Amino acid sequence: MSKTVLAAKEVLAANEEVRYGIFGVVGGSKVFPPRTFLNEFFAGGNDPCDQDGRMGSWRPFSVTEHDYLEIKAWWVANHPGVAEDDLGVSEWDDWVQALLNP
């Protein structure tokens, strides 16, 4: 497993546990963001939805297509029935809004 995949899994798992972390919402949904959207999240270095800053920040990074497929497979294995979905939008911020306000 690459360092990038490990970092991504750590960020997503930690974020899912944080109150108001966006991946807590994602974990309760049946969707997972496309790679470009996920990279926008990772590039931010923090989760804007975590307004209390409980998770803190991370060093911004991005994942390759190969890394993304490994991360997505890990997420789906832990969240059965989840599928990649762009929710009809073209960027991360709009995706989050579409997820939060269906």
C-alpha atoms as a PDB file:
ATOM      1  CA  MET A   1       0.000   0.000   0.000  1.00  0.00           C
ATOM      2  CA  SER A   2       1.410   3.388  -0.985  1.00  0.00           C
ATOM      3  CA  LYS A   3       1.955   6.204   1.519  1.00  0.00           C
ATOM      4  CA  THR A   4      -0.678   8.225  -0.318  1.00  0.00           C
ATOM      5  CA  VAL A   5      -3.302   5.478   0.003  1.00  0.00           C
ATOM      6  CA  LEU A   6      -2.460   5.082   3.680  1.00  0.00           C
ATOM      7  CA  ALA A   7      -2.756   8.858   4.230  1.00  0.00           C
ATOM      8  CA  ALA A   8      -6.076   8.955   2.386  1.00  0.00           C
ATOM      9  CA  LYS A   9      -7.508   6.101   4.437  1.00  0.00           C
ATOM     10  CA  GLU A  10      -6.356   7.764   7.659  1.00  0.00           C
ATOM     11  CA  VAL A  11      -7.932  11.104   6.703  1.00  0.00           C
ATOM     12  CA  LEU A  12     -11.227   9.535   5.615  1.00  0.00           C
ATOM     13  CA  ALA A  13     -11.497   7.250   8.658  1.00  0.00           C
ATOM     14  CA  ALA A  14     -10.696  10.078  11.070  1.00  0.00           C
ATOM     15  CA  ASN A  15     -13.047  12.459   9.307  1.00  0.00           C
ATOM     16  CA  GLU A  16     -15.872   9.949   9.426  1.00  0.00           C
ATOM     17  CA  GLU A  17     -15.549   9.844  13.225  1.00  0.00           C
ATOM     18  CA  VAL A  18     -15.502  13.634  13.713  1.00  0.00           C
ATOM     19  CA  ARG A  19     -18.770  15.264  14.623  1.00  0.00           C
ATOM     20  CA  TYR A  20     -19.879  17.173  11.524  1.00  0.00           C
ATOM     21  CA  GLY A  21     -17.084  15.673   9.396  1.00  0.00           C
ATOM     22  CA  ILE A  22     -18.333  15.403   5.824  1.00  0.00           C
ATOM     23  CA  PHE A  23     -17.288  11.777   5.536  1.00  0.00           C
ATOM     24  CA  GLY A  24     -19.585  10.967   8.440  1.00  0.00           C
ATOM     25  CA  VAL A  25     -22.373  12.052   6.107  1.00  0.00           C
ATOM     26  CA  VAL A  26     -20.801  10.246   3.154  1.00  0.00           C
ATOM     27  CA  GLY A  27     -20.523   7.092   5.286  1.00  0.00           C
ATOM     28  CA  GLY A  28     -24.251   7.188   5.940  1.00  0.00           C
ATOM     29  CA  SER A  29     -25.080   7.674   2.281  1.00  0.00           C
ATOM     30  CA  LYS A  30     -24.863   5.320  -0.659  1.00  0.00           C
ATOM     31  CA  VAL A  31     -22.441   7.475  -2.666  1.00  0.00           C
ATOM     32  CA  PHE A  32     -18.701   8.094  -2.876  1.00  0.00           C
ATOM     33  CA  PRO A  33     -17.144  11.057  -4.666  1.00  0.00           C
ATOM     34  CA  PRO A  34     -15.290  10.739  -7.971  1.00  0.00           C
ATOM     35  CA  ARG A  35     -11.498  11.034  -7.829  1.00  0.00           C
ATOM     36  CA  THR A  36     -11.384  14.679  -8.965  1.00  0.00           C
ATOM     37  CA  PHE A  37     -13.750  15.659  -6.149  1.00  0.00           C
ATOM     38  CA  LEU A  38     -11.882  13.582  -3.575  1.00  0.00           C
ATOM     39  CA  ASN A  39      -8.649  15.246  -4.673  1.00  0.00           C
ATOM     40  CA  GLU A  40     -10.242  18.660  -4.125  1.00  0.00           C
ATOM     41  CA  PHE A  41     -11.053  17.563  -0.560  1.00  0.00           C
ATOM     42  CA  PHE A  42      -7.537  16.240   0.086  1.00  0.00           C
ATOM     43  CA  ALA A  43      -5.945  19.345  -1.488  1.00  0.00           C
ATOM     44  CA  GLY A  44      -7.781  21.570   0.999  1.00  0.00           C
ATOM     45  CA  GLY A  45      -5.847  20.180   3.962  1.00  0.00           C
ATOM     46  CA  ASN A  46      -8.905  20.340   6.224  1.00  0.00           C
ATOM     47  CA  ASP A  47     -12.647  19.743   6.208  1.00  0.00           C
ATOM     48  CA  PRO A  48     -14.640  22.983   6.022  1.00  0.00           C
ATOM     49  CA  CYS A  49     -17.661  21.079   7.365  1.00  0.00           C
ATOM     50  CA  ASP A  50     -15.711  20.434  10.591  1.00  0.00           C
ATOM     51  CA  GLN A  51     -16.372  23.958  11.816  1.00  0.00           C
ATOM     52  CA  ASP A  52     -15.213  23.148  15.353  1.00  0.00           C
ATOM     53  CA  GLY A  53     -11.817  22.040  14.004  1.00  0.00           C
ATOM     54  CA  ARG A  54     -11.996  18.791  15.952  1.00  0.00           C
ATOM     55  CA  MET A  55     -10.055  16.855  13.344  1.00  0.00           C
ATOM     56  CA  GLY A  56      -7.374  19.403  12.651  1.00  0.00           C
ATOM     57  CA  SER A  57      -5.582  19.585   9.338  1.00  0.00           C
ATOM     58  CA  TRP A  58      -3.408  17.394   7.128  1.00  0.00           C
ATOM     59  CA  ARG A  59      -0.731  18.041   4.576  1.00  0.00           C
ATOM     60  CA  PRO A  60      -2.548  18.546   1.248  1.00  0.00           C
ATOM     61  CA  PHE A  61      -2.111  15.742  -1.281  1.00  0.00           C
ATOM     62  CA  SER A  62      -3.786  14.115  -4.256  1.00  0.00           C
ATOM     63  CA  VAL A  63      -4.341  10.536  -5.336  1.00  0.00           C
ATOM     64  CA  THR A  64      -3.696   8.853  -8.665  1.00  0.00           C
ATOM     65  CA  GLU A  65      -6.358   6.851 -10.483  1.00  0.00           C
ATOM     66  CA  HIS A  66      -4.754   3.630  -9.223  1.00  0.00           C
ATOM     67  CA  ASP A  67      -4.693   4.944  -5.635  1.00  0.00           C
ATOM     68  CA  TYR A  68      -8.295   6.114  -5.962  1.00  0.00           C
ATOM     69  CA  LEU A  69      -9.479   2.665  -7.037  1.00  0.00           C
ATOM     70  CA  GLU A  70      -7.792   1.142  -3.982  1.00  0.00           C
ATOM     71  CA  ILE A  71      -9.290   3.780  -1.657  1.00  0.00           C
ATOM     72  CA  LYS A  72     -12.748   3.398  -3.176  1.00  0.00           C
ATOM     73  CA  ALA A  73     -12.586  -0.406  -2.844  1.00  0.00           C
ATOM     74  CA  TRP A  74     -11.626  -0.013   0.834  1.00  0.00           C
ATOM     75  CA  TRP A  75     -14.499   2.442   1.413  1.00  0.00           C
ATOM     76  CA  VAL A  76     -17.044   0.209  -0.333  1.00  0.00           C
ATOM     77  CA  ALA A  77     -15.853  -2.838   1.641  1.00  0.00           C
ATOM     78  CA  ASN A  78     -16.603  -0.900   4.828  1.00  0.00           C
ATOM     79  CA  HIS A  79     -19.838   0.647   3.499  1.00  0.00           C
ATOM     80  CA  PRO A  80     -21.690  -2.023   1.498  1.00  0.00           C
ATOM     81  CA  GLY A  81     -23.940  -0.782  -1.272  1.00  0.00           C
ATOM     82  CA  VAL A  82     -21.959   2.402  -1.921  1.00  0.00           C
ATOM     83  CA  ALA A  83     -21.238   3.498  -5.494  1.00  0.00           C
ATOM     84  CA  GLU A  84     -19.253   6.335  -7.027  1.00  0.00           C
ATOM     85  CA  ASP A  85     -21.604   9.152  -8.034  1.00  0.00           C
ATOM     86  CA  ASP A  86     -20.945  12.720  -9.190  1.00  0.00           C
ATOM     87  CA  LEU A  87     -24.496  13.692  -8.137  1.00  0.00           C
ATOM     88  CA  GLY A  88     -24.804  15.646 -11.377  1.00  0.00           C
ATOM     89  CA  VAL A  89     -22.265  18.329 -10.432  1.00  0.00           C
ATOM     90  CA  SER A  90     -18.746  19.204 -11.529  1.00  0.00           C
ATOM     91  CA  GLU A  91     -16.801  20.100  -8.361  1.00  0.00           C
ATOM     92  CA  TRP A  92     -16.357  19.146  -4.710  1.00  0.00           C
ATOM     93  CA  ASP A  93     -18.196  22.078  -3.108  1.00  0.00           C
ATOM     94  CA  ASP A  94     -21.261  21.495  -5.280  1.00  0.00           C
ATOM     95  CA  TRP A  95     -21.056  17.765  -4.570  1.00  0.00           C
ATOM     96  CA  VAL A  96     -21.142  18.408  -0.838  1.00  0.00           C
ATOM     97  CA  GLN A  97     -24.157  20.682  -1.249  1.00  0.00           C
ATOM     98  CA  ALA A  98     -25.935  18.078  -3.397  1.00  0.00           C
ATOM     99  CA  LEU A  99     -25.208  15.440  -0.753  1.00  0.00           C
ATOM    100  CA  LEU A 100     -26.373  17.604   2.148  1.00  0.00           C
ATOM    101  CA  ASN A 101     -29.409  19.052   0.344  1.00  0.00           C
ATOM    102  CA  PRO A 102     -30.853  16.321  -1.890  1.00  0.00           C
END
